[in-house]
């Protein structure tokens, strides 16, 4: 059964209510490697309940709609999907604990062609349940590697996405290296993304990987930390937006080299798994409050 455009485009996610606690906030930070130096005063605020601060990228796990693409009605080959792109816009700083309402909708379903896969773009708005304030707007692009060519049967295909902004050709202004831990994917999946691709060796092999891979959003969070630390004065609430394309997998335990460029009031970035010199995140752009003003 090919990808079912109408079923996917009109998927009803309903409203998702998500209550998160201080422990969830600390777990998310630990899953990104925060606390590797437990005496570092720059890391403790994210992993200690005293004056706890939520990392801004924690918004990506709030109201996560789950592994809905595995539903047979979608026609998607769920074992062959990977995260393609992610954007995050923060409207307010996240509280270290709270209850949110998430509303998700599929914005685009794009056929890239036979043997080239398909893209599914989902928008998610996260609001505080009690104040009604919009906290974050997220856009996730999923690459369905085995589902290209579905429109050959006459089904629609939405317009292609705009090409992302390339990183500069010059040397990076700042380089940050972060060594991930072998168990990092096991921790990160406890934050809500339980796709077996990140834990089950057989599932990973069937998908074409030598072993379970790290969640793209974990790498995304590592990059955000580097940006805030080096250009945001270590103040997480200064992060306003973050967009990136996932271009290759990261294996837990690898070292990530995050290259940062200050450019036109924004920070551009690229992340490479150094052991294989494999670019894992490309064409990244971050906006910080009061940067470049």
Protein backbone atom coordinates (compact mmCIF):
# COMPACT_ATOMS: atom_id res chain seq x y z
CA UNK A 1 0.00 0.00 0.00
CA UNK A 2 1.50 3.36 -1.02
CA UNK A 3 1.50 6.41 1.20
CA UNK A 4 -2.10 7.63 1.55
CA UNK A 5 -1.97 11.38 0.94
CA UNK A 6 -5.47 12.15 2.20
CA UNK A 7 -5.07 10.08 5.36
CA UNK A 8 -1.71 11.67 6.19
CA UNK A 9 -2.62 15.26 5.27
CA UNK A 10 -5.83 15.17 7.31
CA UNK A 11 -4.54 13.17 10.26
CA UNK A 12 -6.40 14.06 13.43
CA UNK A 13 -3.95 14.42 16.30
CA UNK A 14 -6.51 15.90 18.65
CA UNK A 15 -5.34 18.06 21.51
CA UNK A 16 -2.55 16.60 23.59
CA UNK A 17 -2.32 17.63 27.22
CA UNK A 18 1.16 17.11 28.64
CA UNK A 19 2.10 17.68 32.25
CA UNK A 20 5.82 17.74 32.91
CA UNK A 21 7.64 17.90 36.22
CA UNK A 22 10.97 19.13 37.52
CA UNK A 23 12.24 15.57 37.11
CA UNK A 24 11.29 15.58 33.41
CA UNK A 25 13.15 18.85 32.93
CA UNK A 26 16.25 17.47 34.62
CA UNK A 27 16.02 14.20 32.66
CA UNK A 28 15.90 16.10 29.37
CA UNK A 29 19.05 18.01 30.30
CA UNK A 30 20.83 14.84 31.43
CA UNK A 31 19.86 13.17 28.13
CA UNK A 32 21.76 15.91 26.29
CA UNK A 33 24.87 15.36 28.38
CA UNK A 34 24.35 18.26 30.78
CA UNK A 35 25.88 17.42 34.13
CA UNK A 36 28.96 15.77 32.65
CA UNK A 37 30.83 18.00 35.10
CA UNK A 38 28.60 17.93 38.20
CA UNK A 39 30.52 20.77 39.83
CA UNK A 40 30.23 23.15 36.87
CA UNK A 41 28.06 26.12 37.94
CA UNK A 42 27.06 26.56 34.31
CA UNK A 43 25.49 23.09 34.18
CA UNK A 44 23.92 22.71 37.63
CA UNK A 45 20.92 25.03 36.99
CA UNK A 46 19.60 22.52 34.44
CA UNK A 47 19.99 19.37 36.56
CA UNK A 48 19.37 20.56 40.13
CA UNK A 49 15.92 21.43 41.46
CA UNK A 50 17.30 24.47 43.30
CA UNK A 51 16.57 27.38 40.93
CA UNK A 52 15.95 24.90 38.10
CA UNK A 53 15.96 26.27 34.54
CA UNK A 54 14.47 24.50 31.52
CA UNK A 55 16.59 24.23 28.40
CA UNK A 56 14.75 26.02 25.57
CA UNK A 57 14.91 23.06 23.20
CA UNK A 58 12.88 21.01 25.68
CA UNK A 59 9.92 22.44 23.78
CA UNK A 60 10.52 19.81 21.09
CA UNK A 61 9.42 16.99 23.42
CA UNK A 62 6.32 18.71 24.82
CA UNK A 63 3.10 17.36 23.34
CA UNK A 64 5.00 15.02 21.01
CA UNK A 65 2.30 13.23 18.96
CA UNK A 66 3.93 9.83 19.20
CA UNK A 67 4.82 7.27 16.55
CA UNK A 68 1.64 7.86 14.55
CA UNK A 69 3.26 7.11 11.21
CA UNK A 70 3.30 3.41 12.15
CA UNK A 71 -0.51 3.36 11.80
CA UNK A 72 -1.32 1.23 8.71
CA UNK A 73 -3.84 3.82 7.51
CA UNK A 74 -1.00 6.19 6.59
CA UNK A 75 0.57 3.75 4.14
CA UNK A 76 3.97 4.93 5.38
CA UNK A 77 6.82 2.44 5.69
CA UNK A 78 7.49 3.35 9.30
CA UNK A 79 10.73 1.37 9.57
CA UNK A 80 12.28 3.63 6.92
CA UNK A 81 11.48 7.08 8.29
CA UNK A 82 14.08 9.50 9.63
CA UNK A 83 13.94 13.05 10.92
CA UNK A 84 14.66 15.44 8.04
CA UNK A 85 14.41 18.98 9.40
CA UNK A 86 13.34 20.73 12.59
CA UNK A 87 12.49 24.31 13.40
CA UNK A 88 11.60 25.83 16.76
CA UNK A 89 10.38 29.32 17.56
CA UNK A 90 10.11 30.25 21.21
CA UNK A 91 7.53 32.86 22.18
CA UNK A 92 8.07 32.63 25.96
CA UNK A 93 10.60 30.95 28.24
CA UNK A 94 9.57 27.49 29.39
CA UNK A 95 8.78 26.94 33.05
CA UNK A 96 10.71 24.10 34.74
CA UNK A 97 7.37 22.36 35.35
CA UNK A 98 3.89 22.87 33.98
CA UNK A 99 1.01 21.64 31.87
CA UNK A 100 0.77 22.42 28.17
CA UNK A 101 -1.71 21.84 25.37
CA UNK A 102 -0.25 20.83 21.99
CA UNK A 103 -2.11 21.09 18.71
CA UNK A 104 -0.49 19.46 15.68
CA UNK A 105 -1.42 19.50 12.00
CA UNK A 106 0.17 18.15 8.82
CA UNK A 107 1.03 21.13 6.61
CA UNK A 108 2.62 19.41 3.61
CA UNK A 109 3.04 15.98 2.04
CA UNK A 110 5.61 16.04 -0.75
CA UNK A 111 6.51 13.29 -3.19
CA UNK A 112 10.20 13.59 -4.09
CA UNK A 113 9.86 10.85 -6.71
CA UNK A 114 10.30 7.12 -7.01
CA UNK A 115 13.36 5.92 -5.08
CA UNK A 116 13.78 9.43 -3.63
CA UNK A 117 11.29 9.26 -0.79
CA UNK A 118 8.57 11.58 0.47
CA UNK A 119 8.43 14.40 3.02
CA UNK A 120 5.78 15.02 5.67
CA UNK A 121 5.79 18.43 7.38
CA UNK A 122 4.00 18.78 10.73
CA UNK A 123 3.38 22.00 12.64
CA UNK A 124 2.88 21.89 16.40
CA UNK A 125 1.80 24.79 18.61
CA UNK A 126 2.46 24.49 22.33
CA UNK A 127 0.45 26.65 24.73
CA UNK A 128 0.31 26.90 28.51
CA UNK A 129 -2.89 25.21 29.67
CA UNK A 130 -3.76 27.74 32.36
CA UNK A 131 -2.65 31.09 30.93
CA UNK A 132 -3.35 30.24 27.30
CA UNK A 133 -0.05 31.83 26.30
CA UNK A 134 1.63 30.47 23.18
CA UNK A 135 5.00 29.08 24.29
CA UNK A 136 6.47 27.60 21.12
CA UNK A 137 5.78 26.85 17.47
CA UNK A 138 7.54 23.84 15.99
CA UNK A 139 7.82 22.44 12.50
CA UNK A 140 9.10 18.93 11.91
CA UNK A 141 9.91 17.44 8.52
CA UNK A 142 10.00 13.65 8.37
CA UNK A 143 11.78 11.93 5.48
CA UNK A 144 9.87 8.79 4.48
CA UNK A 145 12.69 7.06 2.63
CA UNK A 146 10.66 4.21 1.13
CA UNK A 147 7.53 6.12 0.12
CA UNK A 148 8.56 8.14 -2.92
CA UNK A 149 6.51 7.81 -6.09
CA UNK A 150 3.16 7.61 -4.30
CA UNK A 151 1.74 10.41 -6.52
CA UNK A 152 2.19 8.29 -9.65
CA UNK A 153 -1.22 6.81 -8.85
CA UNK A 154 -2.80 10.26 -9.15
CA UNK A 155 -2.57 11.33 -5.52
CA UNK A 156 -1.61 14.96 -4.83
CA UNK A 157 1.84 16.20 -3.89
CA UNK A 158 2.31 19.56 -2.22
CA UNK A 159 4.86 22.15 -3.49
CA UNK A 160 8.52 21.47 -2.65
CA UNK A 161 10.13 23.12 0.34
CA UNK A 162 12.37 26.16 -0.08
CA UNK A 163 16.08 25.40 -0.10
CA UNK A 164 17.73 26.14 3.27
CA UNK A 165 20.41 28.79 3.71
CA UNK A 166 23.88 27.30 3.26
CA UNK A 167 26.52 27.86 5.93
CA UNK A 168 29.41 30.19 5.00
CA UNK A 169 32.39 28.83 3.08
CA UNK A 170 34.84 30.58 5.42
CA UNK A 171 36.26 29.07 8.58
CA UNK A 172 33.92 29.00 11.55
CA UNK A 173 34.13 31.79 14.12
CA UNK A 174 33.79 29.30 16.98
CA UNK A 175 34.14 25.51 17.18
CA UNK A 176 32.76 23.48 20.09
CA UNK A 177 33.45 19.76 20.53
CA UNK A 178 31.11 17.58 22.59
CA UNK A 179 31.56 13.87 23.21
CA UNK A 180 28.25 12.03 23.39
CA UNK A 181 27.85 9.11 25.78
CA UNK A 182 27.24 5.52 24.60
CA UNK A 183 23.93 5.40 26.51
CA UNK A 184 22.72 8.81 25.29
CA UNK A 185 19.96 7.43 23.02
CA UNK A 186 18.72 5.21 25.86
CA UNK A 187 18.30 8.29 28.03
CA UNK A 188 16.84 10.51 25.34
CA UNK A 189 14.11 8.02 24.42
CA UNK A 190 12.80 8.35 27.98
CA UNK A 191 11.88 11.91 27.04
CA UNK A 192 9.15 10.60 24.73
CA UNK A 193 10.53 9.40 21.37
CA UNK A 194 10.48 5.61 21.74
CA UNK A 195 11.17 4.77 18.08
CA UNK A 196 12.99 1.39 18.27
CA UNK A 197 15.49 2.67 15.70
CA UNK A 198 17.29 4.26 18.65
CA UNK A 199 17.46 1.21 20.93
CA UNK A 200 16.90 -2.05 19.02
CA UNK A 201 19.95 -3.32 17.06
CA UNK A 202 17.84 -5.47 14.72
CA UNK A 203 15.50 -2.59 13.89
CA UNK A 204 18.51 -0.39 13.17
CA UNK A 205 20.06 -3.00 10.87
CA UNK A 206 16.81 -3.43 8.94
CA UNK A 207 16.77 0.34 8.43
CA UNK A 208 20.31 0.23 7.00
CA UNK A 209 22.32 1.37 10.03
CA UNK A 210 25.13 -0.60 11.66
CA UNK A 211 23.62 -0.07 15.13
CA UNK A 212 21.00 2.12 16.86
CA UNK A 213 21.43 5.79 16.06
CA UNK A 214 21.11 8.87 18.24
CA UNK A 215 17.92 10.90 17.99
CA UNK A 216 18.38 13.84 15.66
CA UNK A 217 16.73 16.05 18.25
CA UNK A 218 19.41 15.10 20.76
CA UNK A 219 22.07 16.38 18.36
CA UNK A 220 19.86 19.44 17.82
CA UNK A 221 19.81 20.08 21.56
CA UNK A 222 23.60 19.73 21.81
CA UNK A 223 23.99 22.35 19.07
CA UNK A 224 21.60 24.71 20.83
CA UNK A 225 23.62 24.43 24.05
CA UNK A 226 26.80 25.36 22.18
CA UNK A 227 25.10 28.39 20.61
CA UNK A 228 23.68 29.67 23.90
CA UNK A 229 26.97 29.14 25.75
CA UNK A 230 29.18 30.81 23.15
CA UNK A 231 26.94 33.57 21.79
CA UNK A 232 24.09 33.88 24.29
CA UNK A 233 26.11 34.45 27.44
CA UNK A 234 24.88 31.14 28.81
CA UNK A 235 21.34 32.56 29.16
CA UNK A 236 18.94 30.01 27.63
CA UNK A 237 16.00 32.43 27.41
CA UNK A 238 17.93 34.40 24.77
CA UNK A 239 17.34 31.65 22.21
CA UNK A 240 14.47 32.76 19.99
CA UNK A 241 14.54 30.28 17.12
CA UNK A 242 16.49 27.31 15.82
CA UNK A 243 16.24 25.64 12.42
CA UNK A 244 18.36 22.80 11.06
CA UNK A 245 18.47 20.01 8.50
CA UNK A 246 19.51 16.51 9.57
CA UNK A 247 21.84 15.15 6.92
CA UNK A 248 23.40 11.99 8.42
CA UNK A 249 23.06 9.83 11.54
CA UNK A 250 25.09 10.11 14.72
CA UNK A 251 26.03 7.00 16.68
CA UNK A 252 25.99 7.33 20.46
CA UNK A 253 29.51 7.76 21.78
CA UNK A 254 30.73 9.82 18.84
CA UNK A 255 32.21 13.30 19.21
CA UNK A 256 30.24 16.20 17.76
CA UNK A 257 32.02 19.21 16.31
CA UNK A 258 29.68 22.20 16.23
CA UNK A 259 30.89 24.98 13.94
CA UNK A 260 29.35 28.41 14.55
CA UNK A 261 29.29 31.50 12.33
CA UNK A 262 28.03 34.93 13.41
CA UNK A 263 26.22 36.24 10.35
CA UNK A 264 23.67 39.01 9.70
CA UNK A 265 22.19 39.09 13.19
CA UNK A 266 21.95 35.31 13.43
CA UNK A 267 24.15 32.31 14.16
CA UNK A 268 24.64 29.73 11.43
CA UNK A 269 25.86 26.29 12.39
CA UNK A 270 26.89 22.83 11.27
CA UNK A 271 27.46 19.68 13.32
CA UNK A 272 29.88 16.92 12.28
CA UNK A 273 30.51 13.49 13.79
CA UNK A 274 34.28 13.75 13.92
CA UNK A 275 35.16 10.05 13.93
CA UNK A 276 33.68 9.64 10.44
CA UNK A 277 33.85 13.30 9.36
CA UNK A 278 30.14 12.93 8.64
CA UNK A 279 28.00 16.07 8.64
CA UNK A 280 25.02 15.27 10.86
CA UNK A 281 23.32 18.69 10.93
CA UNK A 282 23.71 21.21 8.13
CA UNK A 283 22.30 24.59 7.15
CA UNK A 284 21.48 25.46 10.75
CA UNK A 285 20.33 28.96 11.71
CA UNK A 286 19.65 30.30 15.21
CA UNK A 287 18.29 33.65 16.35
CA UNK A 288 19.16 35.11 19.74
CA UNK A 289 17.55 38.01 21.56
CA UNK A 290 19.74 41.15 21.49
CA UNK A 291 22.24 39.52 19.11
CA UNK A 292 23.57 41.76 16.37
CA UNK A 293 21.38 44.72 17.41
